[in-house]
Amino acid sequence: IDSFHFEKHLKQATAAFSKQNYRLRIRQAIIEKDKGKAIRLVNEMVTLSEEPKRAKSIRKFRSYLLNNWEGIVRRYTEGIIGSCTEALVSHVYSERLSRNPMGWSDEGLHKMAELRVYTRNGCVVTAKDFKRTKQEKERSIFKVYAQERIREAIDGYLDWSIFEKEQYNLPTNSPTQILIRSYGRLRSLVG
């Protein structure tokens, strides 16, 4: 659960009860991992709400809270970084792609995107992150070897001759050729 959506639901449910400070009290119950306390607070709001529509909205929030309790608790107690919204994703990428534009291969762009998100989430990139193990190096050597063998097999296997234009020459002494030459010579007499 990302905090944006939970906070949105929490604000909607507690909007009419700002003086009772339900929003802060429910957050505190979540941090304390006290599900019973959180539900009691939500039930109090249902009881205090004067409008049936508001009570229905709060009951909906209670269902949301119960159905997503574990994810909400993890988000608030384990310091889990939330999800990225479209605007944040756009900002993270555009900062690198617009200010310092370069040509990117698909693989390079993918790696750059991973690094941008990694650092944006508070992690630090070190030289250790770029060192390849012996096994990875060997795997990449085998990959190149395999691709070369596959390419050789494909190049030798496929017959591309159907695309080669075959030259067709008519015999010079055929009746058709004699007739064509005769028309060519007599063209000035016909016209």
C-alpha atoms as a PDB file:
ATOM      1  CA  ILE A   1       0.000   0.000   0.000  1.00  0.00           C
ATOM      2  CA  ASP A   2       1.413   3.379  -0.870  1.00  0.00           C
ATOM      3  CA  SER A   3       0.874   6.211   1.563  1.00  0.00           C
ATOM      4  CA  PHE A   4      -0.759   8.498  -1.004  1.00  0.00           C
ATOM      5  CA  HIS A   5      -3.884   6.358  -1.363  1.00  0.00           C
ATOM      6  CA  PHE A   6      -4.140   5.544   2.322  1.00  0.00           C
ATOM      7  CA  GLU A   7      -3.762   9.212   3.299  1.00  0.00           C
ATOM      8  CA  LYS A   8      -6.407  10.149   0.730  1.00  0.00           C
ATOM      9  CA  HIS A   9      -8.902   7.699   2.272  1.00  0.00           C
ATOM     10  CA  LEU A  10      -7.940   8.749   5.809  1.00  0.00           C
ATOM     11  CA  LYS A  11      -8.451  12.457   5.042  1.00  0.00           C
ATOM     12  CA  GLN A  12     -11.847  11.801   3.460  1.00  0.00           C
ATOM     13  CA  ALA A  13     -12.999   9.758   6.456  1.00  0.00           C
ATOM     14  CA  THR A  14     -11.764  12.200   9.107  1.00  0.00           C
ATOM     15  CA  ALA A  15     -12.592  15.488   7.337  1.00  0.00           C
ATOM     16  CA  ALA A  16     -15.662  16.221   9.494  1.00  0.00           C
ATOM     17  CA  PHE A  17     -13.836  15.469  12.763  1.00  0.00           C
ATOM     18  CA  SER A  18     -10.828  17.786  12.684  1.00  0.00           C
ATOM     19  CA  LYS A  19     -11.329  18.957  16.297  1.00  0.00           C
ATOM     20  CA  GLN A  20     -11.250  15.395  17.663  1.00  0.00           C
ATOM     21  CA  ASN A  21      -7.930  14.779  15.877  1.00  0.00           C
ATOM     22  CA  TYR A  22      -8.966  11.335  14.585  1.00  0.00           C
ATOM     23  CA  ARG A  23      -6.484  11.433  11.737  1.00  0.00           C
ATOM     24  CA  LEU A  24      -3.469  11.669  14.055  1.00  0.00           C
ATOM     25  CA  ARG A  25      -4.940   9.145  16.503  1.00  0.00           C
ATOM     26  CA  ILE A  26      -5.571   6.548  13.758  1.00  0.00           C
ATOM     27  CA  ARG A  27      -2.031   7.029  12.417  1.00  0.00           C
ATOM     28  CA  GLN A  28      -0.701   6.539  15.945  1.00  0.00           C
ATOM     29  CA  ALA A  29      -2.698   3.307  16.322  1.00  0.00           C
ATOM     30  CA  ILE A  30      -1.173   2.081  13.055  1.00  0.00           C
ATOM     31  CA  ILE A  31       2.352   2.900  14.227  1.00  0.00           C
ATOM     32  CA  GLU A  32       1.612   1.040  17.482  1.00  0.00           C
ATOM     33  CA  LYS A  33       0.227  -1.856  15.378  1.00  0.00           C
ATOM     34  CA  ASP A  34      -2.962  -1.698  17.444  1.00  0.00           C
ATOM     35  CA  LYS A  35      -5.696  -2.806  15.066  1.00  0.00           C
ATOM     36  CA  GLY A  36      -8.378  -2.815  17.776  1.00  0.00           C
ATOM     37  CA  LYS A  37      -7.676   0.798  18.718  1.00  0.00           C
ATOM     38  CA  ALA A  38      -7.789   1.919  15.069  1.00  0.00           C
ATOM     39  CA  ILE A  39     -11.138   0.178  14.496  1.00  0.00           C
ATOM     40  CA  ARG A  40     -12.568   1.622  17.742  1.00  0.00           C
ATOM     41  CA  LEU A  41     -11.631   5.125  16.548  1.00  0.00           C
ATOM     42  CA  VAL A  42     -13.276   4.540  13.163  1.00  0.00           C
ATOM     43  CA  ASN A  43     -16.398   3.142  14.879  1.00  0.00           C
ATOM     44  CA  GLU A  44     -16.547   6.283  17.062  1.00  0.00           C
ATOM     45  CA  MET A  45     -16.579   8.393  13.905  1.00  0.00           C
ATOM     46  CA  VAL A  46     -19.428   6.290  12.466  1.00  0.00           C
ATOM     47  CA  THR A  47     -21.414   6.823  15.685  1.00  0.00           C
ATOM     48  CA  LEU A  48     -20.713  10.572  15.758  1.00  0.00           C
ATOM     49  CA  SER A  49     -21.533  11.188  12.103  1.00  0.00           C
ATOM     50  CA  GLU A  50     -24.906  12.837  11.691  1.00  0.00           C
ATOM     51  CA  GLU A  51     -25.316  12.297   7.961  1.00  0.00           C
ATOM     52  CA  PRO A  52     -26.023   8.774   6.633  1.00  0.00           C
ATOM     53  CA  LYS A  53     -23.847   9.488   3.600  1.00  0.00           C
ATOM     54  CA  ARG A  54     -20.887  10.386   5.836  1.00  0.00           C
ATOM     55  CA  ALA A  55     -21.422   7.250   7.968  1.00  0.00           C
ATOM     56  CA  LYS A  56     -21.432   5.121   4.819  1.00  0.00           C
ATOM     57  CA  SER A  57     -18.180   6.736   3.658  1.00  0.00           C
ATOM     58  CA  ILE A  58     -16.551   6.052   7.052  1.00  0.00           C
ATOM     59  CA  ARG A  59     -17.724   2.420   7.019  1.00  0.00           C
ATOM     60  CA  LYS A  60     -16.144   2.114   3.570  1.00  0.00           C
ATOM     61  CA  PHE A  61     -12.891   3.460   5.044  1.00  0.00           C
ATOM     62  CA  ARG A  62     -13.152   0.905   7.859  1.00  0.00           C
ATOM     63  CA  SER A  63     -13.386  -1.891   5.268  1.00  0.00           C
ATOM     64  CA  TYR A  64     -10.401  -0.428   3.417  1.00  0.00           C
ATOM     65  CA  LEU A  65      -8.421  -0.278   6.655  1.00  0.00           C
ATOM     66  CA  LEU A  66      -9.293  -3.870   7.612  1.00  0.00           C
ATOM     67  CA  ASN A  67      -8.590  -5.280   4.146  1.00  0.00           C
ATOM     68  CA  ASN A  68      -5.224  -3.536   3.849  1.00  0.00           C
ATOM     69  CA  TRP A  69      -4.133  -3.520   7.504  1.00  0.00           C
ATOM     70  CA  GLU A  70      -0.883  -5.457   7.061  1.00  0.00           C
ATOM     71  CA  GLY A  71       0.286  -3.362   4.112  1.00  0.00           C
ATOM     72  CA  ILE A  72      -0.596  -0.101   5.865  1.00  0.00           C
ATOM     73  CA  VAL A  73       1.230  -1.151   9.046  1.00  0.00           C
ATOM     74  CA  ARG A  74       4.298  -2.212   7.054  1.00  0.00           C
ATOM     75  CA  ARG A  75       4.311   1.104   5.223  1.00  0.00           C
ATOM     76  CA  TYR A  76       4.286   3.104   8.455  1.00  0.00           C
ATOM     77  CA  THR A  77       6.447   0.917  10.700  1.00  0.00           C
ATOM     78  CA  GLU A  78       9.108  -0.635   8.464  1.00  0.00           C
ATOM     79  CA  GLY A  79      10.113   2.483   6.569  1.00  0.00           C
ATOM     80  CA  ILE A  80       9.126   0.999   3.228  1.00  0.00           C
ATOM     81  CA  ILE A  81       9.561   3.454   0.403  1.00  0.00           C
ATOM     82  CA  GLY A  82       6.310   4.144  -1.406  1.00  0.00           C
ATOM     83  CA  SER A  83       5.516   3.746  -5.041  1.00  0.00           C
ATOM     84  CA  CYS A  84       6.301   6.379  -7.642  1.00  0.00           C
ATOM     85  CA  THR A  85       3.563   8.455  -9.130  1.00  0.00           C
ATOM     86  CA  GLU A  86       3.691   9.385 -12.803  1.00  0.00           C
ATOM     87  CA  ALA A  87       4.875  12.920 -12.076  1.00  0.00           C
ATOM     88  CA  LEU A  88       7.766  11.692  -9.935  1.00  0.00           C
ATOM     89  CA  VAL A  89       8.773   9.108 -12.524  1.00  0.00           C
ATOM     90  CA  SER A  90       8.683  11.763 -15.220  1.00  0.00           C
ATOM     91  CA  HIS A  91      10.795  14.107 -13.074  1.00  0.00           C
ATOM     92  CA  VAL A  92      13.386  11.446 -12.232  1.00  0.00           C
ATOM     93  CA  TYR A  93      13.905  10.525 -15.880  1.00  0.00           C
ATOM     94  CA  SER A  94      13.542  13.939 -17.491  1.00  0.00           C
ATOM     95  CA  GLU A  95      16.194  15.389 -15.192  1.00  0.00           C
ATOM     96  CA  ARG A  96      18.766  13.090 -16.785  1.00  0.00           C
ATOM     97  CA  LEU A  97      17.337  12.833 -20.288  1.00  0.00           C
ATOM     98  CA  SER A  98      16.559  16.533 -20.836  1.00  0.00           C
ATOM     99  CA  ARG A  99      19.369  18.416 -19.113  1.00  0.00           C
ATOM    100  CA  ASN A 100      22.186  16.150 -20.243  1.00  0.00           C
ATOM    101  CA  PRO A 101      20.758  14.453 -23.314  1.00  0.00           C
ATOM    102  CA  MET A 102      22.661  11.582 -24.849  1.00  0.00           C
ATOM    103  CA  GLY A 103      21.973   8.730 -27.212  1.00  0.00           C
ATOM    104  CA  TRP A 104      20.884   5.646 -25.290  1.00  0.00           C
ATOM    105  CA  SER A 105      20.781   2.001 -26.225  1.00  0.00           C
ATOM    106  CA  ASP A 106      17.833   0.020 -24.873  1.00  0.00           C
ATOM    107  CA  GLU A 107      20.081  -1.746 -22.364  1.00  0.00           C
ATOM    108  CA  GLY A 108      21.827   1.493 -21.338  1.00  0.00           C
ATOM    109  CA  LEU A 109      18.528   3.305 -20.886  1.00  0.00           C
ATOM    110  CA  HIS A 110      17.209   0.457 -18.738  1.00  0.00           C
ATOM    111  CA  LYS A 111      20.338   0.511 -16.541  1.00  0.00           C
ATOM    112  CA  MET A 112      20.228   4.302 -16.235  1.00  0.00           C
ATOM    113  CA  ALA A 113      16.564   4.163 -15.211  1.00  0.00           C
ATOM    114  CA  GLU A 114      17.324   1.555 -12.539  1.00  0.00           C
ATOM    115  CA  LEU A 115      20.179   3.668 -11.169  1.00  0.00           C
ATOM    116  CA  ARG A 116      18.067   6.847 -11.108  1.00  0.00           C
ATOM    117  CA  VAL A 117      15.298   5.124  -9.145  1.00  0.00           C
ATOM    118  CA  TYR A 118      17.856   3.408  -6.877  1.00  0.00           C
ATOM    119  CA  THR A 119      19.517   6.712  -5.938  1.00  0.00           C
ATOM    120  CA  ARG A 120      16.193   8.545  -5.721  1.00  0.00           C
ATOM    121  CA  ASN A 121      15.083   5.999  -3.104  1.00  0.00           C
ATOM    122  CA  GLY A 122      18.001   7.065  -0.918  1.00  0.00           C
ATOM    123  CA  CYS A 123      20.475   4.323  -1.817  1.00  0.00           C
ATOM    124  CA  VAL A 124      24.103   5.016  -2.670  1.00  0.00           C
ATOM    125  CA  VAL A 125      25.810   3.615  -5.754  1.00  0.00           C
ATOM    126  CA  THR A 126      29.349   2.377  -5.143  1.00  0.00           C
ATOM    127  CA  ALA A 127      32.071   0.850  -7.324  1.00  0.00           C
ATOM    128  CA  LYS A 128      31.116  -2.526  -5.873  1.00  0.00           C
ATOM    129  CA  ASP A 129      27.778  -2.247  -7.685  1.00  0.00           C
ATOM    130  CA  PHE A 130      29.587  -2.230 -11.035  1.00  0.00           C
ATOM    131  CA  LYS A 131      32.022  -5.088 -10.501  1.00  0.00           C
ATOM    132  CA  ARG A 132      31.079  -8.245 -12.333  1.00  0.00           C
ATOM    133  CA  THR A 133      31.798 -11.613 -10.839  1.00  0.00           C
ATOM    134  CA  LYS A 134      33.880 -14.167 -12.707  1.00  0.00           C
ATOM    135  CA  GLN A 135      30.718 -16.189 -13.311  1.00  0.00           C
ATOM    136  CA  GLU A 136      28.964 -13.176 -14.879  1.00  0.00           C
ATOM    137  CA  LYS A 137      31.969 -12.500 -17.123  1.00  0.00           C
ATOM    138  CA  GLU A 138      32.083 -16.137 -18.234  1.00  0.00           C
ATOM    139  CA  ARG A 139      28.340 -16.104 -18.832  1.00  0.00           C
ATOM    140  CA  SER A 140      28.663 -13.041 -21.073  1.00  0.00           C
ATOM    141  CA  ILE A 141      31.515 -14.700 -23.026  1.00  0.00           C
ATOM    142  CA  PHE A 142      29.351 -17.779 -23.580  1.00  0.00           C
ATOM    143  CA  LYS A 143      26.441 -15.572 -24.600  1.00  0.00           C
ATOM    144  CA  VAL A 144      28.540 -13.868 -27.298  1.00  0.00           C
ATOM    145  CA  TYR A 145      29.821 -17.263 -28.476  1.00  0.00           C
ATOM    146  CA  ALA A 146      26.276 -18.655 -28.637  1.00  0.00           C
ATOM    147  CA  GLN A 147      24.996 -15.643 -30.569  1.00  0.00           C
ATOM    148  CA  GLU A 148      27.816 -15.999 -33.113  1.00  0.00           C
ATOM    149  CA  ARG A 149      27.055 -19.705 -33.605  1.00  0.00           C
ATOM    150  CA  ILE A 150      23.355 -18.980 -34.022  1.00  0.00           C
ATOM    151  CA  ARG A 151      24.069 -16.193 -36.513  1.00  0.00           C
ATOM    152  CA  GLU A 152      26.364 -18.495 -38.516  1.00  0.00           C
ATOM    153  CA  ALA A 153      23.731 -21.224 -38.523  1.00  0.00           C
ATOM    154  CA  ILE A 154      21.006 -18.853 -39.673  1.00  0.00           C
ATOM    155  CA  ASP A 155      23.170 -17.220 -42.358  1.00  0.00           C
ATOM    156  CA  GLY A 156      24.117 -20.615 -43.760  1.00  0.00           C
ATOM    157  CA  TYR A 157      20.630 -22.056 -43.504  1.00  0.00           C
ATOM    158  CA  LEU A 158      18.346 -19.460 -45.053  1.00  0.00           C
ATOM    159  CA  ASP A 159      18.105 -19.358 -48.846  1.00  0.00           C
ATOM    160  CA  TRP A 160      17.680 -15.777 -50.030  1.00  0.00           C
ATOM    161  CA  SER A 161      17.969 -16.602 -53.758  1.00  0.00           C
ATOM    162  CA  ILE A 162      14.278 -15.919 -54.386  1.00  0.00           C
ATOM    163  CA  PHE A 163      15.047 -12.216 -53.986  1.00  0.00           C
ATOM    164  CA  GLU A 164      17.869 -12.203 -56.541  1.00  0.00           C
ATOM    165  CA  LYS A 165      16.721 -10.919 -59.920  1.00  0.00           C
ATOM    166  CA  GLU A 166      17.466 -13.345 -62.704  1.00  0.00           C
ATOM    167  CA  GLN A 167      18.477 -11.803 -66.030  1.00  0.00           C
ATOM    168  CA  TYR A 168      16.562 -13.229 -68.973  1.00  0.00           C
ATOM    169  CA  ASN A 169      18.094 -12.838 -72.430  1.00  0.00           C
ATOM    170  CA  LEU A 170      16.095 -13.623 -75.533  1.00  0.00           C
ATOM    171  CA  PRO A 171      17.950 -15.396 -78.321  1.00  0.00           C
ATOM    172  CA  THR A 172      19.133 -12.859 -80.928  1.00  0.00           C
ATOM    173  CA  ASN A 173      17.894 -14.784 -83.969  1.00  0.00           C
ATOM    174  CA  SER A 174      14.431 -15.687 -82.719  1.00  0.00           C
ATOM    175  CA  PRO A 175      11.466 -14.623 -84.887  1.00  0.00           C
ATOM    176  CA  THR A 176      10.378 -12.176 -82.168  1.00  0.00           C
ATOM    177  CA  GLN A 177      13.787 -10.459 -82.076  1.00  0.00           C
ATOM    178  CA  ILE A 178      13.935 -10.218 -85.893  1.00  0.00           C
ATOM    179  CA  LEU A 179      10.465  -8.619 -85.950  1.00  0.00           C
ATOM    180  CA  ILE A 180      11.346  -6.110 -83.207  1.00  0.00           C
ATOM    181  CA  ARG A 181      14.550  -5.061 -85.007  1.00  0.00           C
ATOM    182  CA  SER A 182      12.632  -4.682 -88.286  1.00  0.00           C
ATOM    183  CA  TYR A 183      10.048  -2.374 -86.709  1.00  0.00           C
ATOM    184  CA  GLY A 184      12.869  -0.331 -85.229  1.00  0.00           C
ATOM    185  CA  ARG A 185      14.561   0.163 -88.600  1.00  0.00           C
ATOM    186  CA  LEU A 186      11.347   0.932 -90.476  1.00  0.00           C
ATOM    187  CA  ARG A 187       9.976   3.312 -87.836  1.00  0.00           C
ATOM    188  CA  SER A 188      10.811   6.400 -89.881  1.00  0.00           C
ATOM    189  CA  LEU A 189       8.906   5.072 -92.912  1.00  0.00           C
ATOM    190  CA  VAL A 190       5.701   4.311 -90.988  1.00  0.00           C
ATOM    191  CA  GLY A 191       5.211   7.682 -89.353  1.00  0.00           C
END
